[in-house]
PDB file of N, CA and C in Angstrom:
ATOM      1  N   UNK A   1       0.840  -1.170   0.000  1.00  0.00           N
ATOM      2  CA  UNK A   1       0.000   0.000   0.000  1.00  0.00           C
ATOM      3  C   UNK A   1       0.894   1.246   0.000  1.00  0.00           C
ATOM      4  N   UNK A   2       0.543   2.233  -0.789  1.00  0.00           N
ATOM      5  CA  UNK A   2       1.324   3.465  -0.864  1.00  0.00           C
ATOM      6  C   UNK A   2       1.037   4.331   0.360  1.00  0.00           C
ATOM      7  N   UNK A   3       2.083   5.000   0.852  1.00  0.00           N
ATOM      8  CA  UNK A   3       1.891   5.870   1.996  1.00  0.00           C
ATOM      9  C   UNK A   3       1.411   7.237   1.533  1.00  0.00           C
ATOM     10  N   UNK A   4       0.596   7.864   2.369  1.00  0.00           N
ATOM     11  CA  UNK A   4       0.082   9.190   2.037  1.00  0.00           C
ATOM     12  C   UNK A   4       1.060  10.246   2.520  1.00  0.00           C
ATOM     13  N   UNK A   5       0.921  11.453   2.023  1.00  0.00           N
ATOM     14  CA  UNK A   5       1.767  12.546   2.439  1.00  0.00           C
ATOM     15  C   UNK A   5       2.906  12.765   1.468  1.00  0.00           C
ATOM     16  N   UNK A   6       3.794  13.683   1.837  1.00  0.00           N
ATOM     17  CA  UNK A   6       4.891  14.043   0.950  1.00  0.00           C
ATOM     18  C   UNK A   6       6.155  13.253   1.225  1.00  0.00           C
ATOM     19  N   UNK A   7       6.237  12.575   2.348  1.00  0.00           N
ATOM     20  CA  UNK A   7       7.431  11.815   2.664  1.00  0.00           C
ATOM     21  C   UNK A   7       8.521  12.646   3.319  1.00  0.00           C
ATOM     22  N   UNK A   8       8.197  13.903   3.656  1.00  0.00           N
ATOM     23  CA  UNK A   8       9.161  14.773   4.336  1.00  0.00           C
ATOM     24  C   UNK A   8       8.449  15.517   5.456  1.00  0.00           C
ATOM     25  N   UNK A   9       9.224  16.110   6.368  1.00  0.00           N
ATOM     26  CA  UNK A   9       8.630  16.926   7.417  1.00  0.00           C
ATOM     27  C   UNK A   9       8.117  18.220   6.794  1.00  0.00           C
ATOM     28  N   UNK A  10       6.902  18.591   7.151  1.00  0.00           N
ATOM     29  CA  UNK A  10       6.271  19.751   6.520  1.00  0.00           C
ATOM     30  C   UNK A  10       6.226  20.984   7.402  1.00  0.00           C
ATOM     31  N   UNK A  11       7.001  20.992   8.477  1.00  0.00           N
ATOM     32  CA  UNK A  11       6.999  22.154   9.356  1.00  0.00           C
ATOM     33  C   UNK A  11       8.023  23.184   8.891  1.00  0.00           C
ATOM     34  N   UNK A  12       7.820  24.410   9.299  1.00  0.00           N
ATOM     35  CA  UNK A  12       8.776  25.476   9.016  1.00  0.00           C
ATOM     36  C   UNK A  12      10.070  25.195   9.771  1.00  0.00           C
ATOM     37  N   UNK A  13       9.925  24.653  10.975  1.00  0.00           N
ATOM     38  CA  UNK A  13      11.076  24.369  11.833  1.00  0.00           C
ATOM     39  C   UNK A  13      12.037  23.363  11.191  1.00  0.00           C
ATOM     40  N   UNK A  14      11.506  22.473  10.357  1.00  0.00           N
ATOM     41  CA  UNK A  14      12.355  21.466   9.709  1.00  0.00           C
ATOM     42  C   UNK A  14      13.281  22.091   8.671  1.00  0.00           C
ATOM     43  N   UNK A  15      12.958  23.315   8.241  1.00  0.00           N
ATOM     44  CA  UNK A  15      13.768  23.976   7.220  1.00  0.00           C
ATOM     45  C   UNK A  15      13.317  23.645   5.808  1.00  0.00           C
ATOM     46  N   UNK A  16      12.268  22.844   5.672  1.00  0.00           N
ATOM     47  CA  UNK A  16      11.779  22.465   4.354  1.00  0.00           C
ATOM     48  C   UNK A  16      10.776  23.464   3.782  1.00  0.00           C
ATOM     49  N   UNK A  17      10.197  24.292   4.640  1.00  0.00           N
ATOM     50  CA  UNK A  17       9.219  25.284   4.203  1.00  0.00           C
ATOM     51  C   UNK A  17       9.551  26.649   4.778  1.00  0.00           C
ATOM     52  N   UNK A  18       9.202  27.709   4.044  1.00  0.00           N
ATOM     53  CA  UNK A  18       9.386  29.078   4.510  1.00  0.00           C
ATOM     54  C   UNK A  18       8.239  29.459   5.442  1.00  0.00           C
ATOM     55  N   UNK A  19       8.543  30.334   6.374  1.00  0.00           N
ATOM     56  CA  UNK A  19       7.495  30.891   7.218  1.00  0.00           C
ATOM     57  C   UNK A  19       6.600  31.766   6.343  1.00  0.00           C
ATOM     58  N   UNK A  20       5.382  31.993   6.783  1.00  0.00           N
ATOM     59  CA  UNK A  20       4.445  32.795   6.001  1.00  0.00           C
ATOM     60  C   UNK A  20       5.011  34.188   5.747  1.00  0.00           C
ATOM     61  N   UNK A  21       5.617  34.791   6.768  1.00  0.00           N
ATOM     62  CA  UNK A  21       6.162  36.140   6.606  1.00  0.00           C
ATOM     63  C   UNK A  21       7.339  36.176   5.644  1.00  0.00           C
ATOM     64  N   UNK A  22       7.970  35.024   5.417  1.00  0.00           N
ATOM     65  CA  UNK A  22       9.106  34.954   4.494  1.00  0.00           C
ATOM     66  C   UNK A  22       8.673  34.555   3.086  1.00  0.00           C
ATOM     67  N   UNK A  23       7.355  34.547   2.842  1.00  0.00           N
ATOM     68  CA  UNK A  23       6.871  34.279   1.497  1.00  0.00           C
ATOM     69  C   UNK A  23       6.272  32.910   1.286  1.00  0.00           C
ATOM     70  N   UNK A  24       6.194  32.084   2.327  1.00  0.00           N
ATOM     71  CA  UNK A  24       5.602  30.743   2.242  1.00  0.00           C
ATOM     72  C   UNK A  24       6.302  29.892   1.188  1.00  0.00           C
ATOM     73  N   UNK A  25       5.836  28.694   0.961  1.00  0.00           N
ATOM     74  CA  UNK A  25       6.404  27.808  -0.051  1.00  0.00           C
ATOM     75  C   UNK A  25       7.594  27.008   0.452  1.00  0.00           C
ATOM     76  N   UNK A  26       8.112  26.155  -0.424  1.00  0.00           N
ATOM     77  CA  UNK A  26       9.228  25.268  -0.076  1.00  0.00           C
ATOM     78  C   UNK A  26      10.576  25.946  -0.293  1.00  0.00           C
ATOM     79  N   UNK A  27      11.544  25.539   0.519  1.00  0.00           N
ATOM     80  CA  UNK A  27      12.915  26.014   0.366  1.00  0.00           C
ATOM     81  C   UNK A  27      13.659  25.063  -0.565  1.00  0.00           C
ATOM     82  N   UNK A  28      14.878  25.423  -0.943  1.00  0.00           N
ATOM     83  CA  UNK A  28      15.699  24.527  -1.765  1.00  0.00           C
ATOM     84  C   UNK A  28      15.933  23.213  -1.023  1.00  0.00           C
ATOM     85  N   UNK A  29      16.158  23.314   0.287  1.00  0.00           N
ATOM     86  CA  UNK A  29      16.358  22.118   1.102  1.00  0.00           C
ATOM     87  C   UNK A  29      15.116  21.244   1.074  1.00  0.00           C
ATOM     88  N   UNK A  30      13.948  21.845   1.160  1.00  0.00           N
ATOM     89  CA  UNK A  30      12.696  21.112   1.125  1.00  0.00           C
ATOM     90  C   UNK A  30      12.473  20.410  -0.202  1.00  0.00           C
ATOM     91  N   UNK A  31      12.790  21.098  -1.292  1.00  0.00           N
ATOM     92  CA  UNK A  31      12.636  20.495  -2.622  1.00  0.00           C
ATOM     93  C   UNK A  31      13.586  19.311  -2.761  1.00  0.00           C
ATOM     94  N   UNK A  32      14.817  19.475  -2.286  1.00  0.00           N
ATOM     95  CA  UNK A  32      15.792  18.381  -2.350  1.00  0.00           C
ATOM     96  C   UNK A  32      15.313  17.184  -1.522  1.00  0.00           C
ATOM     97  N   UNK A  33      14.774  17.448  -0.329  1.00  0.00           N
ATOM     98  CA  UNK A  33      14.271  16.380   0.526  1.00  0.00           C
ATOM     99  C   UNK A  33      13.089  15.675  -0.132  1.00  0.00           C
ATOM    100  N   UNK A  34      12.205  16.443  -0.749  1.00  0.00           N
ATOM    101  CA  UNK A  34      11.048  15.850  -1.428  1.00  0.00           C
ATOM    102  C   UNK A  34      11.492  14.978  -2.589  1.00  0.00           C
ATOM    103  N   UNK A  35      12.455  15.457  -3.353  1.00  0.00           N
ATOM    104  CA  UNK A  35      12.925  14.687  -4.504  1.00  0.00           C
ATOM    105  C   UNK A  35      13.628  13.408  -4.061  1.00  0.00           C
ATOM    106  N   UNK A  36      14.330  13.456  -2.908  1.00  0.00           N
ATOM    107  CA  UNK A  36      14.953  12.237  -2.362  1.00  0.00           C
ATOM    108  C   UNK A  36      13.887  11.243  -1.906  1.00  0.00           C
ATOM    109  N   UNK A  37      12.817  11.749  -1.301  1.00  0.00           N
ATOM    110  CA  UNK A  37      11.751  10.883  -0.798  1.00  0.00           C
ATOM    111  C   UNK A  37      10.842  10.378  -1.917  1.00  0.00           C
ATOM    112  N   UNK A  38      10.837  11.064  -3.051  1.00  0.00           N
ATOM    113  CA  UNK A  38       9.965  10.713  -4.173  1.00  0.00           C
ATOM    114  C   UNK A  38      10.790  10.641  -5.456  1.00  0.00           C
ATOM    115  N   UNK A  39      11.505   9.545  -5.680  1.00  0.00           N
ATOM    116  CA  UNK A  39      12.351   9.422  -6.875  1.00  0.00           C
ATOM    117  C   UNK A  39      11.531   9.634  -8.153  1.00  0.00           C
ATOM    118  N   UNK A  40      12.129  10.349  -9.090  1.00  0.00           N
ATOM    119  CA  UNK A  40      11.450  10.635 -10.348  1.00  0.00           C
ATOM    120  C   UNK A  40      10.676  11.939 -10.323  1.00  0.00           C
ATOM    121  N   UNK A  41      10.616  12.579  -9.166  1.00  0.00           N
ATOM    122  CA  UNK A  41       9.894  13.838  -9.056  1.00  0.00           C
ATOM    123  C   UNK A  41      10.617  14.946  -9.812  1.00  0.00           C
ATOM    124  N   UNK A  42       9.863  15.874 -10.351  1.00  0.00           N
ATOM    125  CA  UNK A  42      10.439  17.003 -11.074  1.00  0.00           C
ATOM    126  C   UNK A  42      10.121  18.321 -10.373  1.00  0.00           C
ATOM    127  N   UNK A  43       9.841  18.254  -9.071  1.00  0.00           N
ATOM    128  CA  UNK A  43       9.497  19.437  -8.303  1.00  0.00           C
ATOM    129  C   UNK A  43      10.629  20.461  -8.347  1.00  0.00           C
ATOM    130  N   UNK A  44      10.276  21.731  -8.481  1.00  0.00           N
ATOM    131  CA  UNK A  44      11.259  22.815  -8.512  1.00  0.00           C
ATOM    132  C   UNK A  44      10.816  23.913  -7.559  1.00  0.00           C
ATOM    133  N   UNK A  45      11.719  24.828  -7.240  1.00  0.00           N
ATOM    134  CA  UNK A  45      11.395  25.953  -6.370  1.00  0.00           C
ATOM    135  C   UNK A  45      10.648  27.014  -7.165  1.00  0.00           C
ATOM    136  N   UNK A  46      10.162  28.021  -6.463  1.00  0.00           N
ATOM    137  CA  UNK A  46       9.376  29.090  -7.073  1.00  0.00           C
ATOM    138  C   UNK A  46      10.199  29.897  -8.076  1.00  0.00           C
ATOM    139  N   UNK A  47       9.511  30.429  -9.079  1.00  0.00           N
ATOM    140  CA  UNK A  47      10.142  31.317 -10.053  1.00  0.00           C
ATOM    141  C   UNK A  47       9.991  32.731  -9.496  1.00  0.00           C
ATOM    142  N   UNK A  48      11.080  33.296  -8.987  1.00  0.00           N
ATOM    143  CA  UNK A  48      11.002  34.592  -8.333  1.00  0.00           C
ATOM    144  C   UNK A  48      11.763  35.688  -9.073  1.00  0.00           C
ATOM    145  N   UNK A  49      12.425  35.353 -10.183  1.00  0.00           N
ATOM    146  CA  UNK A  49      13.204  36.351 -10.903  1.00  0.00           C
ATOM    147  C   UNK A  49      12.292  37.312 -11.652  1.00  0.00           C
ATOM    148  N   UNK A  50      12.778  38.527 -11.876  1.00  0.00           N
ATOM    149  CA  UNK A  50      11.978  39.522 -12.586  1.00  0.00           C
ATOM    150  C   UNK A  50      11.901  39.227 -14.075  1.00  0.00           C
ATOM    151  N   UNK A  51      12.964  38.662 -14.639  1.00  0.00           N
ATOM    152  CA  UNK A  51      12.974  38.345 -16.066  1.00  0.00           C
ATOM    153  C   UNK A  51      13.287  36.862 -16.242  1.00  0.00           C
ATOM    154  N   UNK A  52      12.274  36.013 -16.098  1.00  0.00           N
ATOM    155  CA  UNK A  52      12.503  34.567 -16.212  1.00  0.00           C
ATOM    156  C   UNK A  52      12.695  34.142 -17.665  1.00  0.00           C
ATOM    157  N   UNK A  53      13.308  32.986 -17.842  1.00  0.00           N
ATOM    158  CA  UNK A  53      13.436  32.400 -19.171  1.00  0.00           C
ATOM    159  C   UNK A  53      12.028  32.033 -19.652  1.00  0.00           C
ATOM    160  N   UNK A  54      11.845  31.781 -20.938  1.00  0.00           N
ATOM    161  CA  UNK A  54      10.507  31.417 -21.421  1.00  0.00           C
ATOM    162  C   UNK A  54       9.909  30.202 -20.705  1.00  0.00           C
ATOM    163  N   UNK A  55      10.716  29.205 -20.404  1.00  0.00           N
ATOM    164  CA  UNK A  55      10.212  28.027 -19.707  1.00  0.00           C
ATOM    165  C   UNK A  55       9.787  28.387 -18.279  1.00  0.00           C
ATOM    166  N   UNK A  56      10.580  29.217 -17.616  1.00  0.00           N
ATOM    167  CA  UNK A  56      10.227  29.640 -16.261  1.00  0.00           C
ATOM    168  C   UNK A  56       8.978  30.512 -16.277  1.00  0.00           C
ATOM    169  N   UNK A  57       8.850  31.365 -17.275  1.00  0.00           N
ATOM    170  CA  UNK A  57       7.671  32.224 -17.388  1.00  0.00           C
ATOM    171  C   UNK A  57       6.414  31.375 -17.556  1.00  0.00           C
ATOM    172  N   UNK A  58       6.531  30.280 -18.287  1.00  0.00           N
ATOM    173  CA  UNK A  58       5.404  29.374 -18.487  1.00  0.00           C
ATOM    174  C   UNK A  58       5.026  28.690 -17.176  1.00  0.00           C
ATOM    175  N   UNK A  59       6.035  28.262 -16.397  1.00  0.00           N
ATOM    176  CA  UNK A  59       5.775  27.661 -15.081  1.00  0.00           C
ATOM    177  C   UNK A  59       5.092  28.657 -14.161  1.00  0.00           C
ATOM    178  N   UNK A  60       5.571  29.905 -14.184  1.00  0.00           N
ATOM    179  CA  UNK A  60       4.977  30.945 -13.339  1.00  0.00           C
ATOM    180  C   UNK A  60       3.517  31.172 -13.725  1.00  0.00           C
ATOM    181  N   UNK A  61       3.248  31.286 -15.008  1.00  0.00           N
ATOM    182  CA  UNK A  61       1.881  31.515 -15.465  1.00  0.00           C
ATOM    183  C   UNK A  61       0.979  30.358 -15.048  1.00  0.00           C
ATOM    184  N   UNK A  62       1.499  29.142 -15.138  1.00  0.00           N
ATOM    185  CA  UNK A  62       0.729  27.968 -14.755  1.00  0.00           C
ATOM    186  C   UNK A  62       0.427  27.991 -13.255  1.00  0.00           C
ATOM    187  N   UNK A  63       1.424  28.303 -12.434  1.00  0.00           N
ATOM    188  CA  UNK A  63       1.217  28.371 -10.991  1.00  0.00           C
ATOM    189  C   UNK A  63       0.197  29.456 -10.656  1.00  0.00           C
ATOM    190  N   UNK A  64       0.348  30.610 -11.281  1.00  0.00           N
ATOM    191  CA  UNK A  64      -0.560  31.724 -10.988  1.00  0.00           C
ATOM    192  C   UNK A  64      -1.997  31.365 -11.346  1.00  0.00           C
ATOM    193  N   UNK A  65      -2.188  30.659 -12.450  1.00  0.00           N
ATOM    194  CA  UNK A  65      -3.530  30.237 -12.851  1.00  0.00           C
ATOM    195  C   UNK A  65      -4.103  29.243 -11.835  1.00  0.00           C
ATOM    196  N   UNK A  66      -3.290  28.273 -11.403  1.00  0.00           N
ATOM    197  CA  UNK A  66      -3.759  27.290 -10.420  1.00  0.00           C
ATOM    198  C   UNK A  66      -4.092  27.946  -9.086  1.00  0.00           C
ATOM    199  N   UNK A  67      -3.206  28.829  -8.650  1.00  0.00           N
ATOM    200  CA  UNK A  67      -3.423  29.449  -7.343  1.00  0.00           C
ATOM    201  C   UNK A  67      -4.581  30.442  -7.381  1.00  0.00           C
ATOM    202  N   UNK A  68      -4.888  30.980  -8.550  1.00  0.00           N
ATOM    203  CA  UNK A  68      -6.059  31.854  -8.667  1.00  0.00           C
ATOM    204  C   UNK A  68      -7.328  31.045  -8.400  1.00  0.00           C
ATOM    205  N   UNK A  69      -7.331  29.797  -8.835  1.00  0.00           N
ATOM    206  CA  UNK A  69      -8.450  28.914  -8.541  1.00  0.00           C
ATOM    207  C   UNK A  69      -8.566  28.638  -7.051  1.00  0.00           C
ATOM    208  N   UNK A  70      -7.437  28.523  -6.360  1.00  0.00           N
ATOM    209  CA  UNK A  70      -7.450  28.319  -4.908  1.00  0.00           C
ATOM    210  C   UNK A  70      -8.028  29.541  -4.211  1.00  0.00           C
ATOM    211  N   UNK A  71      -7.763  30.725  -4.766  1.00  0.00           N
ATOM    212  CA  UNK A  71      -8.295  31.954  -4.171  1.00  0.00           C
ATOM    213  C   UNK A  71      -9.829  31.906  -4.196  1.00  0.00           C
ATOM    214  N   UNK A  72     -10.394  31.325  -5.254  1.00  0.00           N
ATOM    215  CA  UNK A  72     -11.851  31.208  -5.352  1.00  0.00           C
ATOM    216  C   UNK A  72     -12.379  30.135  -4.408  1.00  0.00           C
ATOM    217  N   UNK A  73     -11.629  29.040  -4.265  1.00  0.00           N
ATOM    218  CA  UNK A  73     -12.067  27.930  -3.418  1.00  0.00           C
ATOM    219  C   UNK A  73     -11.938  28.238  -1.930  1.00  0.00           C
ATOM    220  N   UNK A  74     -11.006  29.114  -1.576  1.00  0.00           N
ATOM    221  CA  UNK A  74     -10.759  29.444  -0.175  1.00  0.00           C
ATOM    222  C   UNK A  74     -10.862  30.955   0.029  1.00  0.00           C
ATOM    223  N   UNK A  75     -12.089  31.494   0.065  1.00  0.00           N
ATOM    224  CA  UNK A  75     -12.257  32.950   0.160  1.00  0.00           C
ATOM    225  C   UNK A  75     -11.672  33.555   1.441  1.00  0.00           C
ATOM    226  N   UNK A  76     -11.653  32.777   2.528  1.00  0.00           N
ATOM    227  CA  UNK A  76     -11.069  33.305   3.774  1.00  0.00           C
ATOM    228  C   UNK A  76      -9.576  33.578   3.587  1.00  0.00           C
ATOM    229  N   UNK A  77      -8.858  32.651   2.939  1.00  0.00           N
ATOM    230  CA  UNK A  77      -7.430  32.842   2.677  1.00  0.00           C
ATOM    231  C   UNK A  77      -7.216  33.971   1.685  1.00  0.00           C
ATOM    232  N   UNK A  78      -8.127  34.117   0.735  1.00  0.00           N
ATOM    233  CA  UNK A  78      -8.004  35.162  -0.269  1.00  0.00           C
ATOM    234  C   UNK A  78      -8.140  36.552   0.358  1.00  0.00           C
ATOM    235  N   UNK A  79      -8.952  36.652   1.403  1.00  0.00           N
ATOM    236  CA  UNK A  79      -9.163  37.944   2.069  1.00  0.00           C
ATOM    237  C   UNK A  79      -8.020  38.315   3.006  1.00  0.00           C
ATOM    238  N   UNK A  80      -7.345  37.307   3.552  1.00  0.00           N
ATOM    239  CA  UNK A  80      -6.292  37.530   4.542  1.00  0.00           C
ATOM    240  C   UNK A  80      -4.951  37.787   3.846  1.00  0.00           C
ATOM    241  N   UNK A  81      -4.397  39.002   3.936  1.00  0.00           N
ATOM    242  CA  UNK A  81      -3.129  39.285   3.252  1.00  0.00           C
ATOM    243  C   UNK A  81      -1.948  38.508   3.820  1.00  0.00           C
ATOM    244  N   UNK A  82      -2.089  37.923   5.009  1.00  0.00           N
ATOM    245  CA  UNK A  82      -1.003  37.159   5.614  1.00  0.00           C
ATOM    246  C   UNK A  82      -1.179  35.657   5.473  1.00  0.00           C
ATOM    247  N   UNK A  83      -2.143  35.214   4.669  1.00  0.00           N
ATOM    248  CA  UNK A  83      -2.348  33.777   4.493  1.00  0.00           C
ATOM    249  C   UNK A  83      -1.203  33.205   3.661  1.00  0.00           C
ATOM    250  N   UNK A  84      -0.952  31.910   3.818  1.00  0.00           N
ATOM    251  CA  UNK A  84       0.118  31.253   3.061  1.00  0.00           C
ATOM    252  C   UNK A  84      -0.141  31.354   1.568  1.00  0.00           C
ATOM    253  N   UNK A  85      -1.389  31.260   1.171  1.00  0.00           N
ATOM    254  CA  UNK A  85      -1.742  31.362  -0.244  1.00  0.00           C
ATOM    255  C   UNK A  85      -1.374  32.726  -0.807  1.00  0.00           C
ATOM    256  N   UNK A  86      -1.772  33.781  -0.135  1.00  0.00           N
ATOM    257  CA  UNK A  86      -1.483  35.137  -0.614  1.00  0.00           C
ATOM    258  C   UNK A  86       0.016  35.422  -0.608  1.00  0.00           C
ATOM    259  N   UNK A  87       0.709  34.967   0.433  1.00  0.00           N
ATOM    260  CA  UNK A  87       2.148  35.198   0.522  1.00  0.00           C
ATOM    261  C   UNK A  87       2.904  34.434  -0.567  1.00  0.00           C
ATOM    262  N   UNK A  88       2.469  33.212  -0.850  1.00  0.00           N
ATOM    263  CA  UNK A  88       3.121  32.431  -1.904  1.00  0.00           C
ATOM    264  C   UNK A  88       2.885  33.085  -3.265  1.00  0.00           C
ATOM    265  N   UNK A  89       1.661  33.564  -3.514  1.00  0.00           N
ATOM    266  CA  UNK A  89       1.370  34.254  -4.777  1.00  0.00           C
ATOM    267  C   UNK A  89       2.226  35.519  -4.915  1.00  0.00           C
ATOM    268  N   UNK A  90       2.432  36.201  -3.828  1.00  0.00           N
ATOM    269  CA  UNK A  90       3.259  37.404  -3.839  1.00  0.00           C
ATOM    270  C   UNK A  90       4.713  37.033  -4.186  1.00  0.00           C
ATOM    271  N   UNK A  91       5.180  35.948  -3.595  1.00  0.00           N
ATOM    272  CA  UNK A  91       6.556  35.505  -3.853  1.00  0.00           C
ATOM    273  C   UNK A  91       6.750  35.086  -5.307  1.00  0.00           C
ATOM    274  N   UNK A  92       5.738  34.465  -5.890  1.00  0.00           N
ATOM    275  CA  UNK A  92       5.787  34.043  -7.289  1.00  0.00           C
ATOM    276  C   UNK A  92       5.547  35.224  -8.244  1.00  0.00           C
ATOM    277  N   UNK A  93       5.183  36.395  -7.701  1.00  0.00           N
ATOM    278  CA  UNK A  93       4.878  37.601  -8.478  1.00  0.00           C
ATOM    279  C   UNK A  93       3.632  37.429  -9.331  1.00  0.00           C
ATOM    280  N   UNK A  94       2.600  36.853  -8.727  1.00  0.00           N
ATOM    281  CA  UNK A  94       1.321  36.685  -9.440  1.00  0.00           C
ATOM    282  C   UNK A  94       0.513  37.969  -9.333  1.00  0.00           C
TER     283      UNK A  94
END
């Protein structure tokens, strides 16, 4: 039977995730840990550069579109400027 979850510690204290005030999302260490726990994964960190390559720009647009749907599904998080969703969107420059 397959185990549920990401296979890594998901706390900020573990160093795998950023605190909400630091922009939320996974750190490089967290992505590396996830990829070790999930062989074959293609997970990458956020696209935060001002002038991304075309491939990075496409990833950013895709993330922004997905997270916009989350804003509709979770109106409480959408209203709260300090929610992890809003902070992550800010970090991705959505």
